[in-house]
Amino acid sequence: MSDAKKTILVPWDFTEVTENALLHAINVAKKLDNDITLLHIVDKGGLLKNKSKKVHETIASTNKLNVLSSDYSTKYGVKINSIVIEGSIFTTISDVAWLLNVSMVVMGTHGMKGMQKVTGSWAMKVISGTNLPFLVVQAPPSRSELRNIIFPVDETRDSLEKLTWARFLQKCCDAKMRIVKQHFAGGTKVSSNIAVVTKFFAKYSIPFDIYEPSKKKEFTEAVIGYSHKIEADIILIMIKKDIHITDYIMGMDEQNIIFNEHKIPVMCINPGNKI
């Protein structure tokens, strides 16, 4: 791990959605003693194929973002840097994160709207294309503290890969882990995972409780419903290793949680993420 101060990367497109992401990043940066870096990407293709127009767009965006970064730094007492670069949102976020000492990405989204419901969310493609954790938000933070973190546990090994991140979040934010246990016929795999999770939390003195929803409820629906009921601050999930177009069309569980109707922030851990 580098000794250099870490930064939280916030993709920025000058919209209210990205401002929401910045407000969440500011709360987290203060807890982690991180800087923040705003990243604006000038599209390589699309409507800006003319080179002179791209140069003008880059200069204008750089000037505007520098002013915004300075204003927000002064207002919130967090060092905020800015980068404007030509590229593609699907690859440039990962490239910039690799060059910088990034701890996580905080990204705003409009949710699943229009054709995204059919073709898949660009946000999901960006998240799964990196090896960093993403905090995905749809609304501004309701409070500055993180009190309740939802930790879903099902029959898969993914439930266990999140443990080090749960400890990291609890340690820096002093939050309580709210385990949601999947009802599983036979229950052996789920019970085994629960045993590992609770033993880990007890070992590191992480406060937790366990909620087991009715077996009549679909698990993803139960996780979202319970999160809303207790006013959860973050839902902690793992992202699939391989995402295909059929996952987008059918609506995978991770996607449904990330774009939940209550706009609860979701922290997405990619397989192999290291703290």
Protein backbone atom coordinates (compact mmCIF):
# COMPACT_ATOMS: atom_id res chain seq x y z
CA MET A 1 0.00 0.00 0.00
CA SER A 2 1.34 3.44 -0.97
CA ASP A 3 2.26 5.94 1.74
CA ALA A 4 0.77 8.74 -0.40
CA LYS A 5 -2.55 10.14 0.73
CA LYS A 6 -5.43 8.31 -0.91
CA THR A 7 -8.11 9.98 -2.97
CA ILE A 8 -11.76 9.26 -3.67
CA LEU A 9 -12.56 9.46 -7.37
CA VAL A 10 -15.83 11.11 -8.41
CA PRO A 11 -16.81 10.96 -12.11
CA TRP A 12 -18.20 14.42 -12.93
CA ASP A 13 -20.46 15.65 -15.73
CA PHE A 14 -21.70 18.96 -14.24
CA THR A 15 -25.14 17.55 -13.35
CA GLU A 16 -27.04 17.40 -10.07
CA VAL A 17 -26.47 13.64 -9.95
CA THR A 18 -22.69 14.05 -9.82
CA GLU A 19 -23.04 16.79 -7.22
CA ASN A 20 -24.94 14.27 -5.08
CA ALA A 21 -22.00 11.89 -5.48
CA LEU A 22 -19.57 14.60 -4.39
CA LEU A 23 -21.55 15.28 -1.22
CA HIS A 24 -21.39 11.58 -0.33
CA ALA A 25 -17.67 11.52 -1.15
CA ILE A 26 -17.07 14.49 1.15
CA ASN A 27 -18.68 12.64 4.07
CA VAL A 28 -16.57 9.54 3.43
CA ALA A 29 -13.36 11.51 2.77
CA LYS A 30 -13.62 13.16 6.18
CA LYS A 31 -13.92 9.75 7.84
CA LEU A 32 -11.01 8.25 5.89
CA ASP A 33 -8.82 11.37 5.79
CA ASN A 34 -8.78 11.12 1.98
CA ASP A 35 -8.64 13.78 -0.71
CA ILE A 36 -11.21 13.87 -3.52
CA THR A 37 -10.56 13.95 -7.26
CA LEU A 38 -13.26 15.07 -9.69
CA LEU A 39 -12.89 13.42 -13.10
CA HIS A 40 -14.56 14.86 -16.18
CA ILE A 41 -14.24 12.80 -19.36
CA VAL A 42 -14.46 14.46 -22.76
CA ASP A 43 -15.95 11.90 -25.13
CA LYS A 44 -13.50 10.70 -27.80
CA GLY A 45 -16.20 10.31 -30.42
CA GLY A 46 -19.86 11.17 -30.59
CA LEU A 47 -20.70 14.81 -31.31
CA LEU A 48 -17.19 16.05 -30.69
CA LYS A 49 -15.31 14.46 -33.59
CA ASN A 50 -14.01 17.88 -34.66
CA LYS A 51 -10.61 18.36 -33.01
CA SER A 52 -10.97 22.10 -32.45
CA LYS A 53 -14.31 21.57 -30.72
CA LYS A 54 -12.74 18.97 -28.44
CA VAL A 55 -9.92 21.36 -27.51
CA HIS A 56 -12.44 24.09 -26.73
CA GLU A 57 -14.56 21.67 -24.67
CA THR A 58 -11.51 20.47 -22.74
CA ILE A 59 -10.30 24.00 -21.92
CA ALA A 60 -13.77 25.22 -20.93
CA SER A 61 -14.41 22.15 -18.76
CA THR A 62 -10.99 22.44 -17.10
CA ASN A 63 -11.55 26.08 -16.16
CA LYS A 64 -15.07 25.40 -14.89
CA LEU A 65 -14.02 22.34 -12.89
CA ASN A 66 -11.04 24.13 -11.33
CA VAL A 67 -13.36 26.83 -10.00
CA LEU A 68 -15.86 24.27 -8.70
CA SER A 69 -13.12 22.25 -7.00
CA SER A 70 -11.75 25.34 -5.27
CA ASP A 71 -15.21 26.47 -4.14
CA TYR A 72 -16.16 23.05 -2.75
CA SER A 73 -12.77 22.66 -1.04
CA THR A 74 -13.27 25.96 0.78
CA LYS A 75 -16.90 25.25 1.65
CA TYR A 76 -16.43 21.71 3.03
CA GLY A 77 -12.83 21.70 4.27
CA VAL A 78 -11.71 18.80 2.08
CA LYS A 79 -8.94 18.99 -0.53
CA ILE A 80 -10.58 18.51 -3.94
CA ASN A 81 -8.52 18.07 -7.10
CA SER A 82 -9.80 17.94 -10.67
CA ILE A 83 -8.88 16.16 -13.89
CA VAL A 84 -10.29 16.68 -17.40
CA ILE A 85 -9.26 14.06 -19.92
CA GLU A 86 -10.36 12.76 -23.30
CA GLY A 87 -11.54 9.17 -23.27
CA SER A 88 -14.42 6.79 -22.72
CA ILE A 89 -16.31 6.45 -19.46
CA PHE A 90 -16.10 2.66 -19.79
CA THR A 91 -12.29 2.59 -19.64
CA THR A 92 -10.98 5.98 -18.51
CA ILE A 93 -12.26 5.75 -14.92
CA SER A 94 -10.30 2.53 -14.49
CA ASP A 95 -7.21 3.98 -16.21
CA VAL A 96 -7.16 7.11 -14.03
CA ALA A 97 -7.79 5.09 -10.88
CA TRP A 98 -4.80 2.92 -11.73
CA LEU A 99 -2.55 6.00 -12.03
CA LEU A 100 -3.79 7.64 -8.83
CA ASN A 101 -3.86 6.31 -5.28
CA VAL A 102 -7.65 5.77 -5.34
CA SER A 103 -9.42 4.20 -2.36
CA MET A 104 -12.87 4.02 -3.98
CA VAL A 105 -15.09 5.56 -6.63
CA VAL A 106 -18.26 7.43 -5.67
CA MET A 107 -20.56 7.61 -8.66
CA GLY A 108 -23.95 9.25 -9.13
CA THR A 109 -26.59 7.66 -11.33
CA HIS A 110 -30.06 8.51 -12.59
CA GLY A 111 -31.07 4.88 -12.01
CA MET A 112 -32.53 2.54 -14.61
CA LYS A 113 -34.45 4.63 -17.10
CA GLY A 114 -35.61 4.30 -20.69
CA MET A 115 -33.55 2.05 -22.93
CA GLN A 116 -31.18 1.21 -20.08
CA LYS A 117 -33.84 -1.21 -18.83
CA VAL A 118 -33.38 -3.19 -22.04
CA THR A 119 -29.73 -2.72 -22.96
CA GLY A 120 -28.30 -2.60 -19.46
CA SER A 121 -27.02 0.25 -17.35
CA TRP A 122 -23.76 1.92 -18.34
CA ALA A 123 -23.13 2.22 -14.61
CA MET A 124 -23.01 -1.56 -14.24
CA LYS A 125 -20.52 -1.80 -17.09
CA VAL A 126 -18.29 0.83 -15.49
CA ILE A 127 -18.46 -0.80 -12.04
CA SER A 128 -17.63 -4.29 -13.26
CA GLY A 129 -14.80 -2.97 -15.46
CA THR A 130 -12.54 -1.97 -12.57
CA ASN A 131 -10.95 -3.60 -9.52
CA LEU A 132 -12.15 -0.85 -7.16
CA PRO A 133 -15.11 -0.59 -4.82
CA PHE A 134 -17.87 1.73 -6.06
CA LEU A 135 -20.30 3.65 -3.89
CA VAL A 136 -23.29 4.25 -6.18
CA VAL A 137 -25.74 6.97 -5.17
CA GLN A 138 -29.00 8.29 -6.58
CA ALA A 139 -29.72 11.14 -4.15
CA PRO A 140 -27.87 13.49 -1.80
CA PRO A 141 -26.90 12.10 1.64
CA SER A 142 -29.65 12.27 4.26
CA ARG A 143 -27.04 12.63 7.05
CA SER A 144 -23.30 12.82 7.43
CA GLU A 145 -22.95 9.74 9.67
CA LEU A 146 -23.05 6.09 8.57
CA ARG A 147 -25.08 4.30 11.25
CA ASN A 148 -26.55 1.21 9.57
CA ILE A 149 -24.81 -0.90 6.95
CA ILE A 150 -26.80 -3.74 5.36
CA PHE A 151 -24.83 -6.96 4.97
CA PRO A 152 -26.83 -9.53 2.90
CA VAL A 153 -25.86 -13.17 3.46
CA ASP A 154 -26.98 -15.87 1.03
CA GLU A 155 -25.75 -19.34 0.06
CA THR A 156 -22.87 -18.08 -2.12
CA ARG A 157 -19.26 -17.47 -1.17
CA ASP A 158 -19.75 -13.82 -2.13
CA SER A 159 -21.18 -13.23 1.33
CA LEU A 160 -17.75 -13.88 2.81
CA GLU A 161 -15.67 -11.82 0.35
CA LYS A 162 -17.25 -8.64 1.77
CA LEU A 163 -16.01 -9.21 5.33
CA THR A 164 -12.80 -7.17 5.18
CA TRP A 165 -14.71 -4.25 3.66
CA ALA A 166 -17.37 -4.51 6.37
CA ARG A 167 -14.61 -4.27 8.98
CA PHE A 168 -13.02 -1.35 7.14
CA LEU A 169 -16.30 0.60 6.98
CA GLN A 170 -17.24 -0.13 10.58
CA LYS A 171 -13.81 0.85 11.86
CA CYS A 172 -13.78 4.21 10.09
CA CYS A 173 -17.46 5.06 10.49
CA ASP A 174 -18.45 3.27 13.72
CA ALA A 175 -21.55 1.80 12.05
CA LYS A 176 -23.61 -1.25 12.96
CA MET A 177 -23.76 -4.24 10.60
CA ARG A 178 -27.34 -5.28 9.89
CA ILE A 179 -27.18 -8.83 8.51
CA VAL A 180 -30.03 -9.90 6.25
CA LYS A 181 -30.13 -13.70 6.12
CA GLN A 182 -31.52 -15.41 3.06
CA HIS A 183 -34.17 -18.03 3.72
CA PHE A 184 -32.83 -21.13 1.98
CA ALA A 185 -34.45 -24.55 1.77
CA GLY A 186 -32.27 -26.91 3.81
CA GLY A 187 -30.33 -23.87 5.01
CA THR A 188 -26.92 -25.55 5.35
CA LYS A 189 -24.94 -23.20 3.09
CA VAL A 190 -26.61 -20.08 4.40
CA SER A 191 -26.19 -21.21 8.01
CA SER A 192 -22.53 -22.00 7.38
CA ASN A 193 -21.96 -18.53 5.91
CA ILE A 194 -23.79 -16.90 8.80
CA ALA A 195 -21.55 -18.75 11.24
CA VAL A 196 -18.41 -17.47 9.48
CA VAL A 197 -19.74 -13.91 9.30
CA THR A 198 -20.85 -13.70 12.93
CA LYS A 199 -17.58 -15.25 14.13
CA PHE A 200 -15.64 -12.63 12.13
CA PHE A 201 -17.73 -9.76 13.50
CA ALA A 202 -17.37 -11.04 17.07
CA LYS A 203 -13.60 -11.40 16.66
CA TYR A 204 -13.24 -7.75 15.69
CA SER A 205 -15.93 -6.46 18.08
CA ILE A 206 -18.15 -5.31 15.23
CA PRO A 207 -21.72 -4.71 16.44
CA PHE A 208 -24.34 -6.58 14.41
CA ASP A 209 -27.80 -8.07 14.44
CA ILE A 210 -29.54 -10.57 12.15
CA TYR A 211 -32.82 -10.20 10.29
CA GLU A 212 -34.36 -13.18 8.50
CA PRO A 213 -37.23 -12.16 6.21
CA SER A 214 -40.22 -14.32 5.47
CA LYS A 215 -39.57 -17.17 3.06
CA LYS A 216 -42.44 -15.82 0.98
CA LYS A 217 -40.38 -12.75 0.05
CA GLU A 218 -37.85 -12.76 -2.77
CA PHE A 219 -34.45 -12.09 -1.18
CA THR A 220 -33.51 -8.97 -3.16
CA GLU A 221 -36.91 -7.45 -2.44
CA ALA A 222 -36.50 -8.30 1.24
CA VAL A 223 -33.05 -6.68 1.41
CA ILE A 224 -34.33 -3.47 -0.16
CA GLY A 225 -37.49 -3.39 1.96
CA TYR A 226 -35.61 -3.93 5.23
CA SER A 227 -32.97 -1.37 4.26
CA HIS A 228 -35.68 1.20 3.76
CA LYS A 229 -37.45 0.28 7.00
CA ILE A 230 -34.39 0.83 9.21
CA GLU A 231 -33.13 3.82 7.21
CA ALA A 232 -29.92 2.08 6.14
CA ASP A 233 -27.06 4.28 4.99
CA ILE A 234 -25.35 1.72 2.73
CA ILE A 235 -26.10 -1.72 1.30
CA LEU A 236 -22.88 -3.73 0.89
CA ILE A 237 -22.91 -6.17 -2.06
CA MET A 238 -20.60 -8.15 -4.32
CA ILE A 239 -20.63 -7.80 -8.11
CA LYS A 240 -20.67 -10.82 -10.43
CA LYS A 241 -17.36 -11.82 -11.98
CA ASP A 242 -18.85 -12.16 -15.48
CA ILE A 243 -21.78 -10.01 -16.59
CA HIS A 244 -23.52 -10.79 -19.87
CA ILE A 245 -26.20 -9.00 -21.89
CA THR A 246 -28.77 -11.55 -20.71
CA ASP A 247 -28.12 -10.42 -17.13
CA TYR A 248 -29.12 -6.89 -18.06
CA ILE A 249 -32.23 -7.96 -19.94
CA MET A 250 -33.48 -10.31 -17.22
CA GLY A 251 -32.51 -7.93 -14.42
CA MET A 252 -29.81 -9.34 -12.15
CA ASP A 253 -30.07 -9.05 -8.39
CA GLU A 254 -27.14 -6.65 -8.05
CA GLN A 255 -28.65 -4.30 -10.59
CA ASN A 256 -32.01 -4.30 -8.81
CA ILE A 257 -30.35 -3.46 -5.49
CA ILE A 258 -28.12 -0.73 -6.92
CA PHE A 259 -31.05 1.05 -8.57
CA ASN A 260 -33.45 0.50 -5.68
CA GLU A 261 -36.57 2.66 -5.60
CA HIS A 262 -35.71 4.14 -2.19
CA LYS A 263 -32.40 5.50 -3.52
CA ILE A 264 -30.34 3.91 -0.74
CA PRO A 265 -26.59 4.13 -1.52
CA VAL A 266 -24.99 0.82 -2.48
CA MET A 267 -21.32 -0.09 -2.07
CA CYS A 268 -20.30 -2.54 -4.79
CA ILE A 269 -17.28 -4.76 -4.18
CA ASN A 270 -15.64 -6.35 -7.20
CA PRO A 271 -14.09 -9.80 -6.73
CA GLY A 272 -10.47 -9.45 -5.67
CA ASN A 273 -10.85 -5.91 -4.27
CA LYS A 274 -8.10 -5.24 -1.73
CA ILE A 275 -8.10 -2.56 0.94
